[in-house]
Structure formats: C-alpha cells, structure tokens
PDB file of N, CA and C in Angstrom:
ATOM      1  N   UNK A   1       1.111  -1.010  -0.005  1.00  0.00           N
ATOM      2  CA  UNK A   1       0.000   0.095  -0.278  1.00  0.00           C
ATOM      3  C   UNK A   1       1.034   1.180   0.094  1.00  0.00           C
ATOM      4  N   UNK A   2       0.609   2.097  -0.643  1.00  0.00           N
ATOM      5  CA  UNK A   2       1.321   3.578  -0.552  1.00  0.00           C
ATOM      6  C   UNK A   2       0.799   4.487  -0.004  1.00  0.00           C
ATOM      7  N   UNK A   3       1.324   5.274   0.922  1.00  0.00           N
ATOM      8  CA  UNK A   3       0.972   6.430   1.563  1.00  0.00           C
ATOM      9  C   UNK A   3       1.385   7.313   0.974  1.00  0.00           C
ATOM     10  N   UNK A   4       0.940   8.764   1.642  1.00  0.00           N
ATOM     11  CA  UNK A   4       1.063  10.300   1.534  1.00  0.00           C
ATOM     12  C   UNK A   4       0.592  10.897   2.485  1.00  0.00           C
ATOM     13  N   UNK A   5       1.302  12.058   2.893  1.00  0.00           N
ATOM     14  CA  UNK A   5       0.804  12.819   3.700  1.00  0.00           C
ATOM     15  C   UNK A   5       1.616  14.517   3.245  1.00  0.00           C
ATOM     16  N   UNK A   6       0.916  15.430   4.407  1.00  0.00           N
ATOM     17  CA  UNK A   6       1.667  16.685   4.037  1.00  0.00           C
ATOM     18  C   UNK A   6       2.863  16.509   5.394  1.00  0.00           C
ATOM     19  N   UNK A   7       4.037  16.845   4.661  1.00  0.00           N
ATOM     20  CA  UNK A   7       5.310  16.733   5.061  1.00  0.00           C
ATOM     21  C   UNK A   7       5.204  17.701   6.412  1.00  0.00           C
ATOM     22  N   UNK A   8       4.993  19.126   6.491  1.00  0.00           N
ATOM     23  CA  UNK A   8       4.921  19.966   7.498  1.00  0.00           C
ATOM     24  C   UNK A   8       3.908  19.517   8.873  1.00  0.00           C
ATOM     25  N   UNK A   9       2.972  18.663   8.254  1.00  0.00           N
ATOM     26  CA  UNK A   9       1.704  18.128   9.331  1.00  0.00           C
ATOM     27  C   UNK A   9       2.543  17.028  10.093  1.00  0.00           C
ATOM     28  N   UNK A  10       3.337  16.454   9.214  1.00  0.00           N
ATOM     29  CA  UNK A  10       4.193  15.107   9.777  1.00  0.00           C
ATOM     30  C   UNK A  10       5.286  15.469  10.806  1.00  0.00           C
ATOM     31  N   UNK A  11       5.719  16.847  10.195  1.00  0.00           N
ATOM     32  CA  UNK A  11       6.794  17.491  11.371  1.00  0.00           C
ATOM     33  C   UNK A  11       6.127  17.835  12.500  1.00  0.00           C
ATOM     34  N   UNK A  12       5.251  18.529  12.438  1.00  0.00           N
ATOM     35  CA  UNK A  12       4.532  18.987  13.724  1.00  0.00           C
ATOM     36  C   UNK A  12       4.353  17.726  14.633  1.00  0.00           C
ATOM     37  N   UNK A  13       3.767  16.835  14.038  1.00  0.00           N
ATOM     38  CA  UNK A  13       3.564  15.663  14.936  1.00  0.00           C
ATOM     39  C   UNK A  13       4.701  15.281  15.287  1.00  0.00           C
ATOM     40  N   UNK A  14       5.681  14.760  14.971  1.00  0.00           N
ATOM     41  CA  UNK A  14       7.043  14.510  15.114  1.00  0.00           C
ATOM     42  C   UNK A  14       7.314  15.512  16.470  1.00  0.00           C
ATOM     43  N   UNK A  15       7.443  16.718  15.983  1.00  0.00           N
ATOM     44  CA  UNK A  15       7.720  17.514  17.130  1.00  0.00           C
ATOM     45  C   UNK A  15       7.072  17.675  18.489  1.00  0.00           C
ATOM     46  N   UNK A  16       5.446  17.722  18.361  1.00  0.00           N
ATOM     47  CA  UNK A  16       4.648  17.577  19.236  1.00  0.00           C
ATOM     48  C   UNK A  16       4.262  16.173  20.014  1.00  0.00           C
ATOM     49  N   UNK A  17       4.536  15.064  19.354  1.00  0.00           N
ATOM     50  CA  UNK A  17       3.917  13.875  19.800  1.00  0.00           C
ATOM     51  C   UNK A  17       4.965  13.074  20.015  1.00  0.00           C
ATOM     52  N   UNK A  18       5.976  13.015  18.973  1.00  0.00           N
ATOM     53  CA  UNK A  18       7.170  12.300  19.245  1.00  0.00           C
ATOM     54  C   UNK A  18       7.202  10.995  18.074  1.00  0.00           C
ATOM     55  N   UNK A  19       6.353  11.117  17.049  1.00  0.00           N
ATOM     56  CA  UNK A  19       6.333  10.407  15.957  1.00  0.00           C
ATOM     57  C   UNK A  19       5.564  11.131  14.736  1.00  0.00           C
ATOM     58  N   UNK A  20       6.490  10.581  13.653  1.00  0.00           N
ATOM     59  CA  UNK A  20       5.755  11.223  12.500  1.00  0.00           C
ATOM     60  C   UNK A  20       4.726  10.145  11.826  1.00  0.00           C
ATOM     61  N   UNK A  21       4.325  10.853  10.312  1.00  0.00           N
ATOM     62  CA  UNK A  21       3.434   9.892  10.098  1.00  0.00           C
ATOM     63  C   UNK A  21       3.886   8.532   9.264  1.00  0.00           C
ATOM     64  N   UNK A  22       5.282   8.963   8.894  1.00  0.00           N
ATOM     65  CA  UNK A  22       5.644   7.331   8.572  1.00  0.00           C
ATOM     66  C   UNK A  22       5.746   6.705   9.511  1.00  0.00           C
ATOM     67  N   UNK A  23       5.736   6.456  11.082  1.00  0.00           N
ATOM     68  CA  UNK A  23       5.459   5.698  12.124  1.00  0.00           C
ATOM     69  C   UNK A  23       4.293   5.307  12.189  1.00  0.00           C
ATOM     70  N   UNK A  24       3.522   6.377  11.914  1.00  0.00           N
ATOM     71  CA  UNK A  24       1.987   6.237  12.038  1.00  0.00           C
ATOM     72  C   UNK A  24       1.321   4.956  10.899  1.00  0.00           C
ATOM     73  N   UNK A  25       1.874   4.817   9.934  1.00  0.00           N
ATOM     74  CA  UNK A  25       1.559   4.240   9.154  1.00  0.00           C
ATOM     75  C   UNK A  25       1.781   2.855   9.168  1.00  0.00           C
ATOM     76  N   UNK A  26       3.028   2.602  10.534  1.00  0.00           N
ATOM     77  CA  UNK A  26       3.097   1.051  10.564  1.00  0.00           C
ATOM     78  C   UNK A  26       1.818   0.441  11.262  1.00  0.00           C
ATOM     79  N   UNK A  27       0.893   1.270  11.593  1.00  0.00           N
ATOM     80  CA  UNK A  27      -0.228   0.625  12.313  1.00  0.00           C
ATOM     81  C   UNK A  27      -0.802  -0.142  11.333  1.00  0.00           C
ATOM     82  N   UNK A  28      -0.698   0.135  10.060  1.00  0.00           N
ATOM     83  CA  UNK A  28      -1.720  -0.688   8.979  1.00  0.00           C
ATOM     84  C   UNK A  28      -0.921  -2.139   8.643  1.00  0.00           C
ATOM     85  N   UNK A  29      -0.074  -2.279   9.180  1.00  0.00           N
ATOM     86  CA  UNK A  29       0.962  -3.757   8.756  1.00  0.00           C
ATOM     87  C   UNK A  29       0.412  -4.771   9.881  1.00  0.00           C
ATOM     88  N   UNK A  30      -0.669  -4.222  10.737  1.00  0.00           N
ATOM     89  CA  UNK A  30      -1.315  -5.139  11.703  1.00  0.00           C
ATOM     90  C   UNK A  30      -2.717  -4.824  11.640  1.00  0.00           C
ATOM     91  N   UNK A  31      -3.169  -5.645  12.630  1.00  0.00           N
ATOM     92  CA  UNK A  31      -4.580  -5.403  12.854  1.00  0.00           C
ATOM     93  C   UNK A  31      -4.748  -3.891  12.986  1.00  0.00           C
ATOM     94  N   UNK A  32      -5.926  -3.238  12.564  1.00  0.00           N
ATOM     95  CA  UNK A  32      -6.680  -2.062  12.931  1.00  0.00           C
ATOM     96  C   UNK A  32      -8.323  -2.214  13.155  1.00  0.00           C
ATOM     97  N   UNK A  33      -8.714  -1.057  14.268  1.00  0.00           N
ATOM     98  CA  UNK A  33     -10.138  -0.911  14.283  1.00  0.00           C
ATOM     99  C   UNK A  33     -10.437   0.103  13.616  1.00  0.00           C
ATOM    100  N   UNK A  34     -11.226   0.060  12.720  1.00  0.00           N
ATOM    101  CA  UNK A  34     -11.278   1.088  12.061  1.00  0.00           C
ATOM    102  C   UNK A  34     -13.008   1.665  12.070  1.00  0.00           C
ATOM    103  N   UNK A  35     -13.057   3.004  11.966  1.00  0.00           N
ATOM    104  CA  UNK A  35     -14.481   3.520  12.131  1.00  0.00           C
ATOM    105  C   UNK A  35     -14.677   4.713  10.953  1.00  0.00           C
ATOM    106  N   UNK A  36     -15.780   4.779  10.472  1.00  0.00           N
ATOM    107  CA  UNK A  36     -15.767   6.460   9.753  1.00  0.00           C
ATOM    108  C   UNK A  36     -15.869   6.957  10.634  1.00  0.00           C
ATOM    109  N   UNK A  37     -15.237   8.404  10.198  1.00  0.00           N
ATOM    110  CA  UNK A  37     -15.261  10.161  11.068  1.00  0.00           C
ATOM    111  C   UNK A  37     -16.163  10.559  10.363  1.00  0.00           C
ATOM    112  N   UNK A  38     -17.610  10.659  10.948  1.00  0.00           N
ATOM    113  CA  UNK A  38     -18.542  11.294  10.317  1.00  0.00           C
ATOM    114  C   UNK A  38     -19.199  12.651  11.391  1.00  0.00           C
ATOM    115  N   UNK A  39     -17.855  13.054  11.947  1.00  0.00           N
ATOM    116  CA  UNK A  39     -18.003  14.358  12.756  1.00  0.00           C
ATOM    117  C   UNK A  39     -18.617  15.383  11.905  1.00  0.00           C
ATOM    118  N   UNK A  40     -18.241  15.402  10.653  1.00  0.00           N
ATOM    119  CA  UNK A  40     -18.904  16.448   9.930  1.00  0.00           C
ATOM    120  C   UNK A  40     -18.450  16.216   8.301  1.00  0.00           C
ATOM    121  N   UNK A  41     -19.146  17.174   7.485  1.00  0.00           N
ATOM    122  CA  UNK A  41     -18.659  16.898   6.017  1.00  0.00           C
ATOM    123  C   UNK A  41     -17.194  17.305   5.574  1.00  0.00           C
ATOM    124  N   UNK A  42     -16.478  16.259   5.409  1.00  0.00           N
ATOM    125  CA  UNK A  42     -15.249  16.667   4.813  1.00  0.00           C
ATOM    126  C   UNK A  42     -14.816  17.086   3.192  1.00  0.00           C
ATOM    127  N   UNK A  43     -16.088  16.694   2.420  1.00  0.00           N
ATOM    128  CA  UNK A  43     -15.971  16.507   1.401  1.00  0.00           C
ATOM    129  C   UNK A  43     -15.097  15.258   0.625  1.00  0.00           C
ATOM    130  N   UNK A  44     -14.972  14.111   1.564  1.00  0.00           N
ATOM    131  CA  UNK A  44     -14.312  13.032   1.328  1.00  0.00           C
ATOM    132  C   UNK A  44     -14.558  11.878   2.482  1.00  0.00           C
ATOM    133  N   UNK A  45     -14.534  10.732   2.230  1.00  0.00           N
ATOM    134  CA  UNK A  45     -14.786   9.834   3.488  1.00  0.00           C
ATOM    135  C   UNK A  45     -13.497   9.737   4.179  1.00  0.00           C
ATOM    136  N   UNK A  46     -13.692   9.830   5.505  1.00  0.00           N
ATOM    137  CA  UNK A  46     -12.378   9.802   6.105  1.00  0.00           C
ATOM    138  C   UNK A  46     -12.573   8.938   7.287  1.00  0.00           C
ATOM    139  N   UNK A  47     -11.728   8.015   7.585  1.00  0.00           N
ATOM    140  CA  UNK A  47     -11.535   6.830   8.368  1.00  0.00           C
ATOM    141  C   UNK A  47     -10.988   7.253   9.778  1.00  0.00           C
ATOM    142  N   UNK A  48     -11.025   6.508  10.878  1.00  0.00           N
ATOM    143  CA  UNK A  48     -10.413   6.632  12.057  1.00  0.00           C
ATOM    144  C   UNK A  48      -9.877   5.241  12.186  1.00  0.00           C
ATOM    145  N   UNK A  49      -8.811   5.081  12.236  1.00  0.00           N
ATOM    146  CA  UNK A  49      -8.131   3.592  12.473  1.00  0.00           C
ATOM    147  C   UNK A  49      -7.241   3.937  13.658  1.00  0.00           C
ATOM    148  N   UNK A  50      -7.249   2.456  14.717  1.00  0.00           N
ATOM    149  CA  UNK A  50      -6.854   2.275  15.880  1.00  0.00           C
ATOM    150  C   UNK A  50      -6.092   1.295  15.657  1.00  0.00           C
ATOM    151  N   UNK A  51      -4.668   0.990  15.796  1.00  0.00           N
ATOM    152  CA  UNK A  51      -3.869   0.138  16.109  1.00  0.00           C
ATOM    153  C   UNK A  51      -2.370   0.137  16.815  1.00  0.00           C
ATOM    154  N   UNK A  52      -1.583  -0.369  16.896  1.00  0.00           N
ATOM    155  CA  UNK A  52      -0.371  -0.511  17.561  1.00  0.00           C
ATOM    156  C   UNK A  52       0.614  -0.710  16.920  1.00  0.00           C
ATOM    157  N   UNK A  53       1.381   0.242  17.278  1.00  0.00           N
ATOM    158  CA  UNK A  53       2.870   0.267  16.807  1.00  0.00           C
ATOM    159  C   UNK A  53       3.903   0.202  17.646  1.00  0.00           C
ATOM    160  N   UNK A  54       4.872  -0.865  18.376  1.00  0.00           N
ATOM    161  CA  UNK A  54       5.898  -0.587  19.107  1.00  0.00           C
ATOM    162  C   UNK A  54       5.381  -0.806  20.628  1.00  0.00           C
ATOM    163  N   UNK A  55       4.090  -1.341  20.748  1.00  0.00           N
ATOM    164  CA  UNK A  55       3.642  -1.332  21.905  1.00  0.00           C
ATOM    165  C   UNK A  55       2.525   0.100  22.401  1.00  0.00           C
ATOM    166  N   UNK A  56       2.585   1.017  21.471  1.00  0.00           N
ATOM    167  CA  UNK A  56       1.915   2.008  21.785  1.00  0.00           C
ATOM    168  C   UNK A  56       0.779   1.940  20.964  1.00  0.00           C
ATOM    169  N   UNK A  57      -0.449   2.289  21.403  1.00  0.00           N
ATOM    170  CA  UNK A  57      -1.644   2.390  20.445  1.00  0.00           C
ATOM    171  C   UNK A  57      -1.801   3.856  20.110  1.00  0.00           C
ATOM    172  N   UNK A  58      -2.086   3.833  18.809  1.00  0.00           N
ATOM    173  CA  UNK A  58      -2.374   5.123  17.879  1.00  0.00           C
ATOM    174  C   UNK A  58      -3.641   5.316  17.102  1.00  0.00           C
ATOM    175  N   UNK A  59      -4.096   6.287  17.168  1.00  0.00           N
ATOM    176  CA  UNK A  59      -5.069   6.831  16.378  1.00  0.00           C
ATOM    177  C   UNK A  59      -4.730   7.676  15.515  1.00  0.00           C
ATOM    178  N   UNK A  60      -4.915   7.204  13.708  1.00  0.00           N
ATOM    179  CA  UNK A  60      -4.760   7.612  12.586  1.00  0.00           C
ATOM    180  C   UNK A  60      -5.825   7.982  11.860  1.00  0.00           C
ATOM    181  N   UNK A  61      -6.254   9.223  11.369  1.00  0.00           N
ATOM    182  CA  UNK A  61      -7.080   9.650  10.389  1.00  0.00           C
ATOM    183  C   UNK A  61      -6.375   9.766   9.062  1.00  0.00           C
ATOM    184  N   UNK A  62      -7.482   9.184   7.956  1.00  0.00           N
ATOM    185  CA  UNK A  62      -6.906   8.862   6.993  1.00  0.00           C
ATOM    186  C   UNK A  62      -7.872   8.729   5.903  1.00  0.00           C
ATOM    187  N   UNK A  63      -7.974   9.211   4.513  1.00  0.00           N
ATOM    188  CA  UNK A  63      -8.669   8.921   3.512  1.00  0.00           C
ATOM    189  C   UNK A  63      -7.853   7.810   2.321  1.00  0.00           C
ATOM    190  N   UNK A  64      -8.574   6.977   1.649  1.00  0.00           N
ATOM    191  CA  UNK A  64      -8.282   6.669   0.695  1.00  0.00           C
ATOM    192  C   UNK A  64      -8.629   7.046  -0.679  1.00  0.00           C
ATOM    193  N   UNK A  65      -7.496   7.163  -1.404  1.00  0.00           N
ATOM    194  CA  UNK A  65      -7.704   8.373  -2.758  1.00  0.00           C
ATOM    195  C   UNK A  65      -7.087   7.029  -3.489  1.00  0.00           C
ATOM    196  N   UNK A  66      -8.118   6.357  -4.627  1.00  0.00           N
ATOM    197  CA  UNK A  66      -7.562   5.361  -5.305  1.00  0.00           C
ATOM    198  C   UNK A  66      -6.606   4.405  -4.337  1.00  0.00           C
ATOM    199  N   UNK A  67      -5.461   4.088  -5.132  1.00  0.00           N
ATOM    200  CA  UNK A  67      -4.606   3.045  -4.511  1.00  0.00           C
ATOM    201  C   UNK A  67      -3.831   3.770  -3.325  1.00  0.00           C
ATOM    202  N   UNK A  68      -3.594   4.892  -3.274  1.00  0.00           N
ATOM    203  CA  UNK A  68      -2.766   5.576  -2.146  1.00  0.00           C
ATOM    204  C   UNK A  68      -3.846   6.434  -0.685  1.00  0.00           C
ATOM    205  N   UNK A  69      -3.277   5.564   0.442  1.00  0.00           N
ATOM    206  CA  UNK A  69      -4.048   6.101   1.731  1.00  0.00           C
ATOM    207  C   UNK A  69      -3.214   7.391   1.902  1.00  0.00           C
ATOM    208  N   UNK A  70      -4.042   8.508   2.311  1.00  0.00           N
ATOM    209  CA  UNK A  70      -3.476   9.436   2.566  1.00  0.00           C
ATOM    210  C   UNK A  70      -3.639   9.710   3.944  1.00  0.00           C
ATOM    211  N   UNK A  71      -2.546   9.706   4.978  1.00  0.00           N
ATOM    212  CA  UNK A  71      -2.825  10.486   6.505  1.00  0.00           C
ATOM    213  C   UNK A  71      -3.091  11.709   6.605  1.00  0.00           C
ATOM    214  N   UNK A  72      -3.811  11.993   7.304  1.00  0.00           N
ATOM    215  CA  UNK A  72      -4.443  13.326   7.637  1.00  0.00           C
ATOM    216  C   UNK A  72      -3.932  13.685   9.041  1.00  0.00           C
ATOM    217  N   UNK A  73      -4.260  12.680  10.256  1.00  0.00           N
ATOM    218  CA  UNK A  73      -3.489  13.226  11.535  1.00  0.00           C
ATOM    219  C   UNK A  73      -3.350  11.808  12.121  1.00  0.00           C
ATOM    220  N   UNK A  74      -2.325  11.831  13.351  1.00  0.00           N
ATOM    221  CA  UNK A  74      -2.171  10.871  14.078  1.00  0.00           C
ATOM    222  C   UNK A  74      -1.775  11.474  15.582  1.00  0.00           C
ATOM    223  N   UNK A  75      -2.131  10.733  16.564  1.00  0.00           N
ATOM    224  CA  UNK A  75      -1.651  10.982  17.944  1.00  0.00           C
ATOM    225  C   UNK A  75      -1.722   9.526  18.467  1.00  0.00           C
ATOM    226  N   UNK A  76      -1.692   9.430  20.013  1.00  0.00           N
ATOM    227  CA  UNK A  76      -1.548   8.420  20.979  1.00  0.00           C
ATOM    228  C   UNK A  76      -3.053   8.335  21.322  1.00  0.00           C
ATOM    229  N   UNK A  77      -3.438   6.988  21.518  1.00  0.00           N
ATOM    230  CA  UNK A  77      -4.787   7.042  22.107  1.00  0.00           C
ATOM    231  C   UNK A  77      -5.199   7.288  23.214  1.00  0.00           C
ATOM    232  N   UNK A  78      -6.336   7.984  23.527  1.00  0.00           N
ATOM    233  CA  UNK A  78      -6.744   8.312  25.067  1.00  0.00           C
ATOM    234  C   UNK A  78      -6.777   6.831  25.778  1.00  0.00           C
ATOM    235  N   UNK A  79      -7.216   7.077  26.806  1.00  0.00           N
ATOM    236  CA  UNK A  79      -7.669   5.915  27.754  1.00  0.00           C
ATOM    237  C   UNK A  79      -8.815   5.041  27.357  1.00  0.00           C
ATOM    238  N   UNK A  80      -9.983   5.845  27.068  1.00  0.00           N
ATOM    239  CA  UNK A  80     -10.930   5.163  26.443  1.00  0.00           C
ATOM    240  C   UNK A  80     -10.698   4.176  25.089  1.00  0.00           C
ATOM    241  N   UNK A  81      -9.658   5.028  24.324  1.00  0.00           N
ATOM    242  CA  UNK A  81      -9.487   4.130  22.942  1.00  0.00           C
ATOM    243  C   UNK A  81      -8.599   3.197  23.189  1.00  0.00           C
ATOM    244  N   UNK A  82      -7.701   3.137  24.292  1.00  0.00           N
ATOM    245  CA  UNK A  82      -6.667   2.148  24.398  1.00  0.00           C
ATOM    246  C   UNK A  82      -7.540   0.870  25.219  1.00  0.00           C
ATOM    247  N   UNK A  83      -8.180   1.088  26.100  1.00  0.00           N
ATOM    248  CA  UNK A  83      -9.307   0.333  26.716  1.00  0.00           C
ATOM    249  C   UNK A  83     -10.492  -0.417  25.398  1.00  0.00           C
ATOM    250  N   UNK A  84     -10.673   0.414  24.426  1.00  0.00           N
ATOM    251  CA  UNK A  84     -11.570  -0.124  23.111  1.00  0.00           C
ATOM    252  C   UNK A  84     -10.771  -1.215  22.428  1.00  0.00           C
ATOM    253  N   UNK A  85      -9.464  -0.677  22.297  1.00  0.00           N
ATOM    254  CA  UNK A  85      -8.375  -1.448  21.484  1.00  0.00           C
ATOM    255  C   UNK A  85      -8.016  -2.710  22.078  1.00  0.00           C
ATOM    256  N   UNK A  86      -7.694  -2.792  23.163  1.00  0.00           N
ATOM    257  CA  UNK A  86      -7.606  -4.024  24.171  1.00  0.00           C
ATOM    258  C   UNK A  86      -8.963  -4.888  24.022  1.00  0.00           C
ATOM    259  N   UNK A  87      -9.772  -4.714  24.056  1.00  0.00           N
ATOM    260  CA  UNK A  87     -10.974  -5.610  23.603  1.00  0.00           C
ATOM    261  C   UNK A  87     -10.723  -6.165  22.450  1.00  0.00           C
ATOM    262  N   UNK A  88     -11.072  -4.968  21.482  1.00  0.00           N
ATOM    263  CA  UNK A  88     -10.915  -5.280  19.947  1.00  0.00           C
ATOM    264  C   UNK A  88      -9.609  -6.605  19.648  1.00  0.00           C
ATOM    265  N   UNK A  89      -8.423  -6.291  20.408  1.00  0.00           N
ATOM    266  CA  UNK A  89      -7.066  -6.771  20.194  1.00  0.00           C
ATOM    267  C   UNK A  89      -7.153  -8.222  20.488  1.00  0.00           C
ATOM    268  N   UNK A  90      -8.029  -8.711  21.422  1.00  0.00           N
ATOM    269  CA  UNK A  90      -8.313  -9.785  22.038  1.00  0.00           C
ATOM    270  C   UNK A  90      -8.643 -10.785  21.132  1.00  0.00           C
ATOM    271  N   UNK A  91      -9.622 -10.576  20.640  1.00  0.00           N
ATOM    272  CA  UNK A  91     -10.417 -11.317  19.527  1.00  0.00           C
ATOM    273  C   UNK A  91      -9.981 -11.358  18.282  1.00  0.00           C
TER     274      UNK A  91
END
C-alpha cells in the first residue's frame, strides 16, 4: 500500500507527539479497528483507525484516494481508546 501525507503536518506531529506519519503508517501492517469519521462533512470519506506500533496504541485519521492512503492526522490513543483497542485486539 502506498501512503502520502503533508510533510509539514508530519513534522509538527513529530515535534509535538514524538512520532511522524511514517511511523503512524505502520499501524496498517497489523490489525486495526476502523470507524467512519462522520463528525462533519469533509468532502471525502475519512476513516479513523486504531492500531498498535511498538507497543503504543495510535489513532490515525486517513482517507483512501484510489490506491493511495493519505494520512491526515495521528496521535496517541486516549485511555478510553486504549481500553477499546485492548478488547478488540483480544478477538
């Protein structure tokens, strides 16, 4: 799978959160829990994926544009998201 992202946003995420979108993309190498991001109309379908990279649970917002997956944002999962992920990952 091919990925793309805004380099400036990835750099900001790396400075503020300690990882960039290149690392965030690694969640797609394993199991992910995906839901539709319907909080507002973005003009395209956005999805929220929760997965694990190197023992850390991450939340990645992305959209698929043809064969390319564009990462929009990434962050560490909050407590509730980690608990939900743990239940999902057990099955």
